[in-house]
């Protein structure tokens, strides 16, 4: 139906990977949507939980109309 828009969400880092994944090398992603465990280096294992976090941030933005952490400097986000 051309009258009905379709919303598509992308940029989920693990959308194609199943189970726990070992992270080696640099972490990549869009900073405000990245899970804390990716930012603080507390674990070299990540799971689908990081995508759940990103989805929650995306829902925040959709529901509030505001970008998360918009008033914070990158250093404050990664803190």
PDB file of N, CA and C in Angstrom:
ATOM      1  N   UNK A   1       0.845  -1.183   0.000  1.00  0.00           N
ATOM      2  CA  UNK A   1       0.000   0.000   0.000  1.00  0.00           C
ATOM      3  C   UNK A   1       0.890   1.246   0.000  1.00  0.00           C
ATOM      4  N   UNK A   2       0.927   2.037  -1.067  1.00  0.00           N
ATOM      5  CA  UNK A   2       1.794   3.217  -1.141  1.00  0.00           C
ATOM      6  C   UNK A   2       1.408   4.313  -0.149  1.00  0.00           C
ATOM      7  N   UNK A   3       0.213   4.278   0.390  1.00  0.00           N
ATOM      8  CA  UNK A   3      -0.219   5.279   1.364  1.00  0.00           C
ATOM      9  C   UNK A   3       0.297   4.983   2.775  1.00  0.00           C
ATOM     10  N   UNK A   4       0.782   3.784   2.967  1.00  0.00           N
ATOM     11  CA  UNK A   4       1.229   3.369   4.296  1.00  0.00           C
ATOM     12  C   UNK A   4       2.753   3.252   4.318  1.00  0.00           C
ATOM     13  N   UNK A   5       3.428   4.119   5.066  1.00  0.00           N
ATOM     14  CA  UNK A   5       4.901   4.064   5.091  1.00  0.00           C
ATOM     15  C   UNK A   5       5.410   2.812   5.804  1.00  0.00           C
ATOM     16  N   UNK A   6       6.609   2.409   5.443  1.00  0.00           N
ATOM     17  CA  UNK A   6       7.253   1.255   6.051  1.00  0.00           C
ATOM     18  C   UNK A   6       8.491   1.743   6.785  1.00  0.00           C
ATOM     19  N   UNK A   7       8.601   1.379   8.050  1.00  0.00           N
ATOM     20  CA  UNK A   7       9.755   1.753   8.860  1.00  0.00           C
ATOM     21  C   UNK A   7      10.729   0.585   8.889  1.00  0.00           C
ATOM     22  N   UNK A   8      11.989   0.860   8.570  1.00  0.00           N
ATOM     23  CA  UNK A   8      13.023  -0.165   8.616  1.00  0.00           C
ATOM     24  C   UNK A   8      14.144   0.336   9.511  1.00  0.00           C
ATOM     25  N   UNK A   9      14.604  -0.524  10.415  1.00  0.00           N
ATOM     26  CA  UNK A   9      15.667  -0.174  11.344  1.00  0.00           C
ATOM     27  C   UNK A   9      16.902  -0.977  10.979  1.00  0.00           C
ATOM     28  N   UNK A  10      18.033  -0.303  10.871  1.00  0.00           N
ATOM     29  CA  UNK A  10      19.288  -0.967  10.541  1.00  0.00           C
ATOM     30  C   UNK A  10      20.368  -0.620  11.550  1.00  0.00           C
ATOM     31  N   UNK A  11      21.590  -0.988  11.278  1.00  0.00           N
ATOM     32  CA  UNK A  11      22.761  -0.686  12.091  1.00  0.00           C
ATOM     33  C   UNK A  11      22.832  -1.527  13.356  1.00  0.00           C
ATOM     34  N   UNK A  12      22.262  -2.716  13.347  1.00  0.00           N
ATOM     35  CA  UNK A  12      22.439  -3.617  14.472  1.00  0.00           C
ATOM     36  C   UNK A  12      23.644  -4.496  14.172  1.00  0.00           C
ATOM     37  N   UNK A  13      24.663  -4.372  14.982  1.00  0.00           N
ATOM     38  CA  UNK A  13      25.935  -5.028  14.717  1.00  0.00           C
ATOM     39  C   UNK A  13      25.905  -6.538  14.680  1.00  0.00           C
ATOM     40  N   UNK A  14      25.034  -7.172  15.436  1.00  0.00           N
ATOM     41  CA  UNK A  14      25.039  -8.635  15.501  1.00  0.00           C
ATOM     42  C   UNK A  14      23.810  -9.254  14.878  1.00  0.00           C
ATOM     43  N   UNK A  15      23.139  -8.539  14.031  1.00  0.00           N
ATOM     44  CA  UNK A  15      21.874  -9.037  13.502  1.00  0.00           C
ATOM     45  C   UNK A  15      22.010 -10.346  12.739  1.00  0.00           C
ATOM     46  N   UNK A  16      23.191 -10.662  12.252  1.00  0.00           N
ATOM     47  CA  UNK A  16      23.375 -11.899  11.490  1.00  0.00           C
ATOM     48  C   UNK A  16      24.186 -12.945  12.245  1.00  0.00           C
ATOM     49  N   UNK A  17      24.648 -12.627  13.435  1.00  0.00           N
ATOM     50  CA  UNK A  17      25.514 -13.545  14.173  1.00  0.00           C
ATOM     51  C   UNK A  17      24.738 -14.143  15.342  1.00  0.00           C
ATOM     52  N   UNK A  18      24.825 -15.437  15.512  1.00  0.00           N
ATOM     53  CA  UNK A  18      24.135 -16.107  16.611  1.00  0.00           C
ATOM     54  C   UNK A  18      25.128 -16.465  17.713  1.00  0.00           C
ATOM     55  N   UNK A  19      24.602 -16.658  18.913  1.00  0.00           N
ATOM     56  CA  UNK A  19      25.378 -17.063  20.085  1.00  0.00           C
ATOM     57  C   UNK A  19      26.363 -15.976  20.496  1.00  0.00           C
ATOM     58  N   UNK A  20      27.198 -16.299  21.485  1.00  0.00           N
ATOM     59  CA  UNK A  20      28.208 -15.341  21.945  1.00  0.00           C
ATOM     60  C   UNK A  20      29.307 -15.206  20.914  1.00  0.00           C
ATOM     61  N   UNK A  21      29.823 -14.012  20.797  1.00  0.00           N
ATOM     62  CA  UNK A  21      30.851 -13.721  19.813  1.00  0.00           C
ATOM     63  C   UNK A  21      32.046 -13.103  20.514  1.00  0.00           C
ATOM     64  N   UNK A  22      33.227 -13.546  20.164  1.00  0.00           N
ATOM     65  CA  UNK A  22      34.444 -12.959  20.701  1.00  0.00           C
ATOM     66  C   UNK A  22      34.762 -11.707  19.911  1.00  0.00           C
ATOM     67  N   UNK A  23      34.969 -10.611  20.619  1.00  0.00           N
ATOM     68  CA  UNK A  23      35.299  -9.352  19.958  1.00  0.00           C
ATOM     69  C   UNK A  23      36.806  -9.214  19.943  1.00  0.00           C
ATOM     70  N   UNK A  24      37.375  -9.095  18.773  1.00  0.00           N
ATOM     71  CA  UNK A  24      38.805  -8.856  18.665  1.00  0.00           C
ATOM     72  C   UNK A  24      39.013  -7.627  17.810  1.00  0.00           C
ATOM     73  N   UNK A  25      40.007  -6.853  18.158  1.00  0.00           N
ATOM     74  CA  UNK A  25      40.239  -5.618  17.412  1.00  0.00           C
ATOM     75  C   UNK A  25      39.360  -4.506  17.934  1.00  0.00           C
ATOM     76  N   UNK A  26      39.146  -3.496  17.109  1.00  0.00           N
ATOM     77  CA  UNK A  26      38.378  -2.332  17.522  1.00  0.00           C
ATOM     78  C   UNK A  26      36.888  -2.581  17.538  1.00  0.00           C
ATOM     79  N   UNK A  27      36.219  -1.789  18.341  1.00  0.00           N
ATOM     80  CA  UNK A  27      34.762  -1.840  18.419  1.00  0.00           C
ATOM     81  C   UNK A  27      34.213  -0.808  17.456  1.00  0.00           C
ATOM     82  N   UNK A  28      33.211  -1.186  16.700  1.00  0.00           N
ATOM     83  CA  UNK A  28      32.608  -0.268  15.733  1.00  0.00           C
ATOM     84  C   UNK A  28      31.128  -0.151  16.008  1.00  0.00           C
ATOM     85  N   UNK A  29      30.597   1.027  15.738  1.00  0.00           N
ATOM     86  CA  UNK A  29      29.173   1.231  15.920  1.00  0.00           C
ATOM     87  C   UNK A  29      28.846   2.708  16.007  1.00  0.00           C
ATOM     88  N   UNK A  30      27.603   2.993  16.242  1.00  0.00           N
ATOM     89  CA  UNK A  30      27.142   4.361  16.386  1.00  0.00           C
ATOM     90  C   UNK A  30      27.065   4.641  17.877  1.00  0.00           C
ATOM     91  N   UNK A  31      27.919   5.512  18.374  1.00  0.00           N
ATOM     92  CA  UNK A  31      28.176   5.683  19.797  1.00  0.00           C
ATOM     93  C   UNK A  31      26.939   5.724  20.698  1.00  0.00           C
ATOM     94  N   UNK A  32      25.970   6.602  20.489  1.00  0.00           N
ATOM     95  CA  UNK A  32      24.847   6.641  21.438  1.00  0.00           C
ATOM     96  C   UNK A  32      24.012   5.364  21.480  1.00  0.00           C
ATOM     97  N   UNK A  33      24.121   4.533  20.479  1.00  0.00           N
ATOM     98  CA  UNK A  33      23.317   3.313  20.408  1.00  0.00           C
ATOM     99  C   UNK A  33      24.104   2.073  20.806  1.00  0.00           C
ATOM    100  N   UNK A  34      25.344   2.254  21.239  1.00  0.00           N
ATOM    101  CA  UNK A  34      26.185   1.117  21.609  1.00  0.00           C
ATOM    102  C   UNK A  34      25.991   0.749  23.074  1.00  0.00           C
ATOM    103  N   UNK A  35      25.930  -0.536  23.356  1.00  0.00           N
ATOM    104  CA  UNK A  35      25.748  -1.027  24.722  1.00  0.00           C
ATOM    105  C   UNK A  35      26.965  -0.691  25.581  1.00  0.00           C
ATOM    106  N   UNK A  36      26.758  -0.452  26.883  1.00  0.00           N
ATOM    107  CA  UNK A  36      27.863  -0.084  27.774  1.00  0.00           C
ATOM    108  C   UNK A  36      29.018  -1.078  27.772  1.00  0.00           C
ATOM    109  N   UNK A  37      28.728  -2.381  27.674  1.00  0.00           N
ATOM    110  CA  UNK A  37      29.819  -3.356  27.700  1.00  0.00           C
ATOM    111  C   UNK A  37      30.740  -3.234  26.494  1.00  0.00           C
ATOM    112  N   UNK A  38      30.258  -2.667  25.404  1.00  0.00           N
ATOM    113  CA  UNK A  38      31.114  -2.426  24.248  1.00  0.00           C
ATOM    114  C   UNK A  38      31.970  -1.184  24.458  1.00  0.00           C
ATOM    115  N   UNK A  39      31.438  -0.222  25.180  1.00  0.00           N
ATOM    116  CA  UNK A  39      32.138   1.045  25.373  1.00  0.00           C
ATOM    117  C   UNK A  39      33.201   0.983  26.458  1.00  0.00           C
ATOM    118  N   UNK A  40      32.935   0.259  27.535  1.00  0.00           N
ATOM    119  CA  UNK A  40      33.883   0.277  28.648  1.00  0.00           C
ATOM    120  C   UNK A  40      34.878  -0.876  28.622  1.00  0.00           C
ATOM    121  N   UNK A  41      34.768  -1.750  27.636  1.00  0.00           N
ATOM    122  CA  UNK A  41      35.723  -2.848  27.498  1.00  0.00           C
ATOM    123  C   UNK A  41      35.655  -3.856  28.631  1.00  0.00           C
ATOM    124  N   UNK A  42      34.525  -3.930  29.332  1.00  0.00           N
ATOM    125  CA  UNK A  42      34.406  -4.831  30.475  1.00  0.00           C
ATOM    126  C   UNK A  42      34.355  -6.297  30.068  1.00  0.00           C
ATOM    127  N   UNK A  43      34.078  -6.546  28.814  1.00  0.00           N
ATOM    128  CA  UNK A  43      34.003  -7.931  28.362  1.00  0.00           C
ATOM    129  C   UNK A  43      34.436  -8.019  26.906  1.00  0.00           C
ATOM    130  N   UNK A  44      35.123  -9.106  26.572  1.00  0.00           N
ATOM    131  CA  UNK A  44      35.463  -9.318  25.166  1.00  0.00           C
ATOM    132  C   UNK A  44      34.457 -10.258  24.511  1.00  0.00           C
ATOM    133  N   UNK A  45      33.386 -10.590  25.241  1.00  0.00           N
ATOM    134  CA  UNK A  45      32.303 -11.414  24.696  1.00  0.00           C
ATOM    135  C   UNK A  45      31.035 -10.584  24.639  1.00  0.00           C
ATOM    136  N   UNK A  46      30.399 -10.636  23.507  1.00  0.00           N
ATOM    137  CA  UNK A  46      29.132  -9.931  23.350  1.00  0.00           C
ATOM    138  C   UNK A  46      28.083 -10.920  22.851  1.00  0.00           C
ATOM    139  N   UNK A  47      26.835 -10.560  23.026  1.00  0.00           N
ATOM    140  CA  UNK A  47      25.741 -11.421  22.593  1.00  0.00           C
ATOM    141  C   UNK A  47      24.660 -10.557  21.972  1.00  0.00           C
ATOM    142  N   UNK A  48      23.513 -11.164  21.758  1.00  0.00           N
ATOM    143  CA  UNK A  48      22.384 -10.422  21.206  1.00  0.00           C
ATOM    144  C   UNK A  48      21.923  -9.314  22.137  1.00  0.00           C
ATOM    145  N   UNK A  49      22.359  -9.336  23.387  1.00  0.00           N
ATOM    146  CA  UNK A  49      21.970  -8.318  24.363  1.00  0.00           C
ATOM    147  C   UNK A  49      22.372  -6.920  23.908  1.00  0.00           C
ATOM    148  N   UNK A  50      23.477  -6.807  23.183  1.00  0.00           N
ATOM    149  CA  UNK A  50      23.885  -5.481  22.712  1.00  0.00           C
ATOM    150  C   UNK A  50      22.895  -4.946  21.686  1.00  0.00           C
ATOM    151  N   UNK A  51      22.288  -5.827  20.910  1.00  0.00           N
ATOM    152  CA  UNK A  51      21.264  -5.394  19.960  1.00  0.00           C
ATOM    153  C   UNK A  51      19.975  -5.017  20.675  1.00  0.00           C
ATOM    154  N   UNK A  52      19.670  -5.705  21.776  1.00  0.00           N
ATOM    155  CA  UNK A  52      18.493  -5.349  22.566  1.00  0.00           C
ATOM    156  C   UNK A  52      18.669  -3.947  23.138  1.00  0.00           C
ATOM    157  N   UNK A  53      19.872  -3.640  23.627  1.00  0.00           N
ATOM    158  CA  UNK A  53      20.157  -2.295  24.131  1.00  0.00           C
ATOM    159  C   UNK A  53      19.958  -1.268  23.023  1.00  0.00           C
ATOM    160  N   UNK A  54      20.521  -1.527  21.855  1.00  0.00           N
ATOM    161  CA  UNK A  54      20.392  -0.604  20.720  1.00  0.00           C
ATOM    162  C   UNK A  54      18.939  -0.413  20.318  1.00  0.00           C
ATOM    163  N   UNK A  55      18.172  -1.484  20.350  1.00  0.00           N
ATOM    164  CA  UNK A  55      16.754  -1.384  20.027  1.00  0.00           C
ATOM    165  C   UNK A  55      16.031  -0.507  21.046  1.00  0.00           C
ATOM    166  N   UNK A  56      16.374  -0.662  22.320  1.00  0.00           N
ATOM    167  CA  UNK A  56      15.773   0.172  23.361  1.00  0.00           C
ATOM    168  C   UNK A  56      16.070   1.642  23.153  1.00  0.00           C
ATOM    169  N   UNK A  57      17.299   1.958  22.783  1.00  0.00           N
ATOM    170  CA  UNK A  57      17.671   3.348  22.508  1.00  0.00           C
ATOM    171  C   UNK A  57      16.906   3.861  21.292  1.00  0.00           C
ATOM    172  N   UNK A  58      16.761   3.015  20.275  1.00  0.00           N
ATOM    173  CA  UNK A  58      16.003   3.404  19.082  1.00  0.00           C
ATOM    174  C   UNK A  58      14.551   3.690  19.443  1.00  0.00           C
ATOM    175  N   UNK A  59      13.955   2.845  20.274  1.00  0.00           N
ATOM    176  CA  UNK A  59      12.576   3.071  20.710  1.00  0.00           C
ATOM    177  C   UNK A  59      12.463   4.360  21.513  1.00  0.00           C
ATOM    178  N   UNK A  60      13.465   4.641  22.347  1.00  0.00           N
ATOM    179  CA  UNK A  60      13.495   5.899  23.103  1.00  0.00           C
ATOM    180  C   UNK A  60      13.400   7.082  22.145  1.00  0.00           C
ATOM    181  N   UNK A  61      14.229   7.035  21.107  1.00  0.00           N
ATOM    182  CA  UNK A  61      14.260   8.136  20.141  1.00  0.00           C
ATOM    183  C   UNK A  61      12.930   8.261  19.397  1.00  0.00           C
ATOM    184  N   UNK A  62      12.347   7.144  19.013  1.00  0.00           N
ATOM    185  CA  UNK A  62      11.063   7.177  18.302  1.00  0.00           C
ATOM    186  C   UNK A  62       9.960   7.739  19.196  1.00  0.00           C
ATOM    187  N   UNK A  63       9.922   7.307  20.451  1.00  0.00           N
ATOM    188  CA  UNK A  63       8.845   7.706  21.354  1.00  0.00           C
ATOM    189  C   UNK A  63       8.987   9.126  21.893  1.00  0.00           C
ATOM    190  N   UNK A  64      10.233   9.582  22.089  1.00  0.00           N
ATOM    191  CA  UNK A  64      10.436  10.917  22.657  1.00  0.00           C
ATOM    192  C   UNK A  64      10.706  11.970  21.601  1.00  0.00           C
ATOM    193  N   UNK A  65      11.155  11.531  20.425  1.00  0.00           N
ATOM    194  CA  UNK A  65      11.530  12.481  19.383  1.00  0.00           C
ATOM    195  C   UNK A  65      12.867  13.143  19.647  1.00  0.00           C
ATOM    196  N   UNK A  66      13.616  12.613  20.611  1.00  0.00           N
ATOM    197  CA  UNK A  66      14.916  13.180  20.974  1.00  0.00           C
ATOM    198  C   UNK A  66      16.015  12.142  20.796  1.00  0.00           C
ATOM    199  N   UNK A  67      17.174  12.600  20.341  1.00  0.00           N
ATOM    200  CA  UNK A  67      18.322  11.711  20.221  1.00  0.00           C
ATOM    201  C   UNK A  67      18.892  11.458  21.613  1.00  0.00           C
ATOM    202  N   UNK A  68      19.225  10.207  21.925  1.00  0.00           N
ATOM    203  CA  UNK A  68      19.773   9.930  23.255  1.00  0.00           C
ATOM    204  C   UNK A  68      21.133  10.585  23.444  1.00  0.00           C
ATOM    205  N   UNK A  69      21.355  11.105  24.609  1.00  0.00           N
ATOM    206  CA  UNK A  69      22.640  11.707  24.971  1.00  0.00           C
ATOM    207  C   UNK A  69      23.012  12.888  24.085  1.00  0.00           C
ATOM    208  N   UNK A  70      22.031  13.551  23.494  1.00  0.00           N
ATOM    209  CA  UNK A  70      22.298  14.634  22.542  1.00  0.00           C
ATOM    210  C   UNK A  70      23.102  15.770  23.161  1.00  0.00           C
ATOM    211  N   UNK A  71      22.941  16.000  24.447  1.00  0.00           N
ATOM    212  CA  UNK A  71      23.636  17.117  25.079  1.00  0.00           C
ATOM    213  C   UNK A  71      24.956  16.709  25.727  1.00  0.00           C
ATOM    214  N   UNK A  72      25.402  15.487  25.503  1.00  0.00           N
ATOM    215  CA  UNK A  72      26.656  15.019  26.092  1.00  0.00           C
ATOM    216  C   UNK A  72      27.765  14.924  25.053  1.00  0.00           C
ATOM    217  N   UNK A  73      28.973  15.244  25.476  1.00  0.00           N
ATOM    218  CA  UNK A  73      30.170  15.068  24.652  1.00  0.00           C
ATOM    219  C   UNK A  73      30.501  13.574  24.606  1.00  0.00           C
ATOM    220  N   UNK A  74      31.142  13.121  23.550  1.00  0.00           N
ATOM    221  CA  UNK A  74      31.475  11.695  23.386  1.00  0.00           C
ATOM    222  C   UNK A  74      32.208  11.130  24.598  1.00  0.00           C
ATOM    223  N   UNK A  75      33.104  11.913  25.172  1.00  0.00           N
ATOM    224  CA  UNK A  75      33.846  11.457  26.347  1.00  0.00           C
ATOM    225  C   UNK A  75      32.951  11.181  27.537  1.00  0.00           C
ATOM    226  N   UNK A  76      31.877  11.944  27.674  1.00  0.00           N
ATOM    227  CA  UNK A  76      30.938  11.731  28.778  1.00  0.00           C
ATOM    228  C   UNK A  76      30.122  10.463  28.561  1.00  0.00           C
ATOM    229  N   UNK A  77      29.848  10.132  27.318  1.00  0.00           N
ATOM    230  CA  UNK A  77      29.086   8.916  27.021  1.00  0.00           C
ATOM    231  C   UNK A  77      29.931   7.684  27.325  1.00  0.00           C
ATOM    232  N   UNK A  78      31.180   7.697  26.907  1.00  0.00           N
ATOM    233  CA  UNK A  78      32.042   6.532  27.100  1.00  0.00           C
ATOM    234  C   UNK A  78      32.592   6.457  28.507  1.00  0.00           C
ATOM    235  N   UNK A  79      32.572   7.586  29.230  1.00  0.00           N
ATOM    236  CA  UNK A  79      32.992   7.793  30.591  1.00  0.00           C
ATOM    237  C   UNK A  79      33.566   6.685  31.297  1.00  0.00           C
TER     238      UNK A  79
END
